[in-house]
């Protein structure tokens, strides 16, 4: 079971909001996409 983990190290709420909003640089979204992609890889290996 793939698990994604992303930690934002910010100095203030404005930075956190900017890095977690829609668009490029959203670290939570990147971690989630990575976990889903790994799930697909594991599924393809298991079905061989």
PDB file of N, CA and C in Angstrom:
ATOM      1  N   UNK A   1       0.843  -1.175   0.000  1.00  0.00           N
ATOM      2  CA  UNK A   1       0.000   0.000   0.000  1.00  0.00           C
ATOM      3  C   UNK A   1       0.891   1.241   0.000  1.00  0.00           C
ATOM      4  N   UNK A   2       0.961   1.950  -1.103  1.00  0.00           N
ATOM      5  CA  UNK A   2       1.776   3.161  -1.178  1.00  0.00           C
ATOM      6  C   UNK A   2       1.203   4.269  -0.294  1.00  0.00           C
ATOM      7  N   UNK A   3       2.071   4.995   0.339  1.00  0.00           N
ATOM      8  CA  UNK A   3       1.664   6.113   1.186  1.00  0.00           C
ATOM      9  C   UNK A   3       2.472   7.332   0.775  1.00  0.00           C
ATOM     10  N   UNK A   4       1.786   8.453   0.575  1.00  0.00           N
ATOM     11  CA  UNK A   4       2.465   9.704   0.246  1.00  0.00           C
ATOM     12  C   UNK A   4       2.571  10.570   1.489  1.00  0.00           C
ATOM     13  N   UNK A   5       3.674  11.279   1.615  1.00  0.00           N
ATOM     14  CA  UNK A   5       3.890  12.129   2.778  1.00  0.00           C
ATOM     15  C   UNK A   5       4.594  13.395   2.321  1.00  0.00           C
ATOM     16  N   UNK A   6       4.010  14.526   2.633  1.00  0.00           N
ATOM     17  CA  UNK A   6       4.619  15.801   2.258  1.00  0.00           C
ATOM     18  C   UNK A   6       4.504  16.766   3.434  1.00  0.00           C
ATOM     19  N   UNK A   7       5.598  17.406   3.767  1.00  0.00           N
ATOM     20  CA  UNK A   7       5.614  18.367   4.863  1.00  0.00           C
ATOM     21  C   UNK A   7       5.994  19.727   4.297  1.00  0.00           C
ATOM     22  N   UNK A   8       5.184  20.720   4.612  1.00  0.00           N
ATOM     23  CA  UNK A   8       5.507  22.084   4.204  1.00  0.00           C
ATOM     24  C   UNK A   8       6.246  22.771   5.352  1.00  0.00           C
ATOM     25  N   UNK A   9       7.405  23.288   5.073  1.00  0.00           N
ATOM     26  CA  UNK A   9       8.115  24.094   6.066  1.00  0.00           C
ATOM     27  C   UNK A   9       7.987  25.542   5.619  1.00  0.00           C
ATOM     28  N   UNK A  10       7.130  26.254   6.307  1.00  0.00           N
ATOM     29  CA  UNK A  10       6.836  27.637   5.936  1.00  0.00           C
ATOM     30  C   UNK A  10       7.051  28.552   7.133  1.00  0.00           C
ATOM     31  N   UNK A  11       7.209  29.817   6.837  1.00  0.00           N
ATOM     32  CA  UNK A  11       7.394  30.801   7.897  1.00  0.00           C
ATOM     33  C   UNK A  11       6.093  31.471   8.297  1.00  0.00           C
ATOM     34  N   UNK A  12       5.053  31.346   7.442  1.00  0.00           N
ATOM     35  CA  UNK A  12       3.781  31.980   7.778  1.00  0.00           C
ATOM     36  C   UNK A  12       2.634  31.333   7.000  1.00  0.00           C
ATOM     37  N   UNK A  13       1.421  31.712   7.335  1.00  0.00           N
ATOM     38  CA  UNK A  13       0.224  31.151   6.701  1.00  0.00           C
ATOM     39  C   UNK A  13       0.186  31.473   5.209  1.00  0.00           C
ATOM     40  N   UNK A  14       0.638  32.651   4.823  1.00  0.00           N
ATOM     41  CA  UNK A  14       0.616  33.024   3.402  1.00  0.00           C
ATOM     42  C   UNK A  14       1.458  32.063   2.570  1.00  0.00           C
ATOM     43  N   UNK A  15       2.626  31.701   3.057  1.00  0.00           N
ATOM     44  CA  UNK A  15       3.470  30.743   2.342  1.00  0.00           C
ATOM     45  C   UNK A  15       2.796  29.377   2.272  1.00  0.00           C
ATOM     46  N   UNK A  16       2.204  28.942   3.370  1.00  0.00           N
ATOM     47  CA  UNK A  16       1.527  27.642   3.390  1.00  0.00           C
ATOM     48  C   UNK A  16       0.365  27.622   2.407  1.00  0.00           C
ATOM     49  N   UNK A  17      -0.407  28.680   2.373  1.00  0.00           N
ATOM     50  CA  UNK A  17      -1.542  28.765   1.453  1.00  0.00           C
ATOM     51  C   UNK A  17      -1.068  28.749   0.011  1.00  0.00           C
ATOM     52  N   UNK A  18      -0.004  29.480  -0.279  1.00  0.00           N
ATOM     53  CA  UNK A  18       0.540  29.528  -1.639  1.00  0.00           C
ATOM     54  C   UNK A  18       1.030  28.154  -2.095  1.00  0.00           C
ATOM     55  N   UNK A  19       1.668  27.425  -1.222  1.00  0.00           N
ATOM     56  CA  UNK A  19       2.243  26.125  -1.586  1.00  0.00           C
ATOM     57  C   UNK A  19       1.231  24.982  -1.567  1.00  0.00           C
ATOM     58  N   UNK A  20       0.053  25.224  -1.017  1.00  0.00           N
ATOM     59  CA  UNK A  20      -0.946  24.155  -0.958  1.00  0.00           C
ATOM     60  C   UNK A  20      -2.153  24.435  -1.845  1.00  0.00           C
ATOM     61  N   UNK A  21      -2.139  25.526  -2.573  1.00  0.00           N
ATOM     62  CA  UNK A  21      -3.253  25.875  -3.438  1.00  0.00           C
ATOM     63  C   UNK A  21      -3.183  25.168  -4.777  1.00  0.00           C
ATOM     64  N   UNK A  22      -4.163  25.444  -5.626  1.00  0.00           N
ATOM     65  CA  UNK A  22      -4.170  24.808  -6.953  1.00  0.00           C
ATOM     66  C   UNK A  22      -2.996  25.283  -7.807  1.00  0.00           C
ATOM     67  N   UNK A  23      -2.566  24.405  -8.700  1.00  0.00           N
ATOM     68  CA  UNK A  23      -1.487  24.765  -9.614  1.00  0.00           C
ATOM     69  C   UNK A  23      -0.172  24.116  -9.243  1.00  0.00           C
ATOM     70  N   UNK A  24       0.867  24.557  -9.896  1.00  0.00           N
ATOM     71  CA  UNK A  24       2.202  23.975  -9.701  1.00  0.00           C
ATOM     72  C   UNK A  24       2.708  24.252  -8.292  1.00  0.00           C
ATOM     73  N   UNK A  25       3.440  23.296  -7.747  1.00  0.00           N
ATOM     74  CA  UNK A  25       4.043  23.485  -6.442  1.00  0.00           C
ATOM     75  C   UNK A  25       3.226  22.990  -5.270  1.00  0.00           C
ATOM     76  N   UNK A  26       2.060  22.394  -5.524  1.00  0.00           N
ATOM     77  CA  UNK A  26       1.228  21.867  -4.444  1.00  0.00           C
ATOM     78  C   UNK A  26       1.820  20.540  -3.979  1.00  0.00           C
ATOM     79  N   UNK A  27       2.507  20.563  -2.849  1.00  0.00           N
ATOM     80  CA  UNK A  27       3.246  19.384  -2.384  1.00  0.00           C
ATOM     81  C   UNK A  27       2.322  18.251  -1.958  1.00  0.00           C
ATOM     82  N   UNK A  28       1.168  18.555  -1.397  1.00  0.00           N
ATOM     83  CA  UNK A  28       0.210  17.512  -1.036  1.00  0.00           C
ATOM     84  C   UNK A  28      -0.308  16.787  -2.260  1.00  0.00           C
ATOM     85  N   UNK A  29      -0.606  17.549  -3.292  1.00  0.00           N
ATOM     86  CA  UNK A  29      -1.065  16.956  -4.546  1.00  0.00           C
ATOM     87  C   UNK A  29       0.034  16.091  -5.164  1.00  0.00           C
ATOM     88  N   UNK A  30       1.267  16.575  -5.128  1.00  0.00           N
ATOM     89  CA  UNK A  30       2.385  15.799  -5.677  1.00  0.00           C
ATOM     90  C   UNK A  30       2.548  14.473  -4.938  1.00  0.00           C
ATOM     91  N   UNK A  31       2.420  14.487  -3.613  1.00  0.00           N
ATOM     92  CA  UNK A  31       2.545  13.253  -2.830  1.00  0.00           C
ATOM     93  C   UNK A  31       1.411  12.289  -3.156  1.00  0.00           C
ATOM     94  N   UNK A  32       0.189  12.811  -3.290  1.00  0.00           N
ATOM     95  CA  UNK A  32      -0.959  11.957  -3.614  1.00  0.00           C
ATOM     96  C   UNK A  32      -0.810  11.334  -4.995  1.00  0.00           C
ATOM     97  N   UNK A  33      -0.392  12.116  -5.964  1.00  0.00           N
ATOM     98  CA  UNK A  33      -0.199  11.594  -7.320  1.00  0.00           C
ATOM     99  C   UNK A  33       0.891  10.525  -7.321  1.00  0.00           C
ATOM    100  N   UNK A  34       1.956  10.756  -6.588  1.00  0.00           N
ATOM    101  CA  UNK A  34       3.028   9.764  -6.491  1.00  0.00           C
ATOM    102  C   UNK A  34       2.537   8.450  -5.901  1.00  0.00           C
ATOM    103  N   UNK A  35       1.687   8.522  -4.871  1.00  0.00           N
ATOM    104  CA  UNK A  35       1.145   7.307  -4.252  1.00  0.00           C
ATOM    105  C   UNK A  35       0.240   6.557  -5.221  1.00  0.00           C
ATOM    106  N   UNK A  36      -0.592   7.286  -5.961  1.00  0.00           N
ATOM    107  CA  UNK A  36      -1.482   6.644  -6.936  1.00  0.00           C
ATOM    108  C   UNK A  36      -0.668   6.009  -8.062  1.00  0.00           C
ATOM    109  N   UNK A  37       0.347   6.705  -8.541  1.00  0.00           N
ATOM    110  CA  UNK A  37       1.195   6.139  -9.596  1.00  0.00           C
ATOM    111  C   UNK A  37       1.891   4.863  -9.118  1.00  0.00           C
ATOM    112  N   UNK A  38       2.372   4.865  -7.882  1.00  0.00           N
ATOM    113  CA  UNK A  38       3.014   3.675  -7.341  1.00  0.00           C
ATOM    114  C   UNK A  38       2.012   2.535  -7.206  1.00  0.00           C
ATOM    115  N   UNK A  39       0.784   2.842  -6.833  1.00  0.00           N
ATOM    116  CA  UNK A  39      -0.270   1.822  -6.754  1.00  0.00           C
ATOM    117  C   UNK A  39      -0.458   1.161  -8.119  1.00  0.00           C
ATOM    118  N   UNK A  40      -0.503   1.971  -9.168  1.00  0.00           N
ATOM    119  CA  UNK A  40      -0.664   1.429 -10.523  1.00  0.00           C
ATOM    120  C   UNK A  40       0.524   0.539 -10.904  1.00  0.00           C
ATOM    121  N   UNK A  41       1.724   0.951 -10.547  1.00  0.00           N
ATOM    122  CA  UNK A  41       2.910   0.135 -10.833  1.00  0.00           C
ATOM    123  C   UNK A  41       2.814  -1.202 -10.108  1.00  0.00           C
ATOM    124  N   UNK A  42       2.463  -1.177  -8.834  1.00  0.00           N
ATOM    125  CA  UNK A  42       2.339  -2.418  -8.070  1.00  0.00           C
ATOM    126  C   UNK A  42       1.263  -3.328  -8.648  1.00  0.00           C
ATOM    127  N   UNK A  43       0.149  -2.749  -9.081  1.00  0.00           N
ATOM    128  CA  UNK A  43      -0.919  -3.549  -9.684  1.00  0.00           C
ATOM    129  C   UNK A  43      -0.449  -4.200 -10.980  1.00  0.00           C
ATOM    130  N   UNK A  44       0.315  -3.466 -11.785  1.00  0.00           N
ATOM    131  CA  UNK A  44       0.788  -4.033 -13.051  1.00  0.00           C
ATOM    132  C   UNK A  44       1.791  -5.163 -12.804  1.00  0.00           C
ATOM    133  N   UNK A  45       2.585  -5.046 -11.754  1.00  0.00           N
ATOM    134  CA  UNK A  45       3.535  -6.107 -11.419  1.00  0.00           C
ATOM    135  C   UNK A  45       2.793  -7.348 -10.935  1.00  0.00           C
ATOM    136  N   UNK A  46       1.767  -7.162 -10.138  1.00  0.00           N
ATOM    137  CA  UNK A  46       1.017  -8.290  -9.572  1.00  0.00           C
ATOM    138  C   UNK A  46       0.217  -9.051 -10.621  1.00  0.00           C
ATOM    139  N   UNK A  47      -0.169  -8.383 -11.706  1.00  0.00           N
ATOM    140  CA  UNK A  47      -1.008  -9.035 -12.716  1.00  0.00           C
ATOM    141  C   UNK A  47      -0.187  -9.706 -13.813  1.00  0.00           C
ATOM    142  N   UNK A  48       1.112  -9.710 -13.707  1.00  0.00           N
ATOM    143  CA  UNK A  48       1.961 -10.346 -14.725  1.00  0.00           C
ATOM    144  C   UNK A  48       1.983 -11.830 -14.558  1.00  0.00           C
TER     145      UNK A  48
END
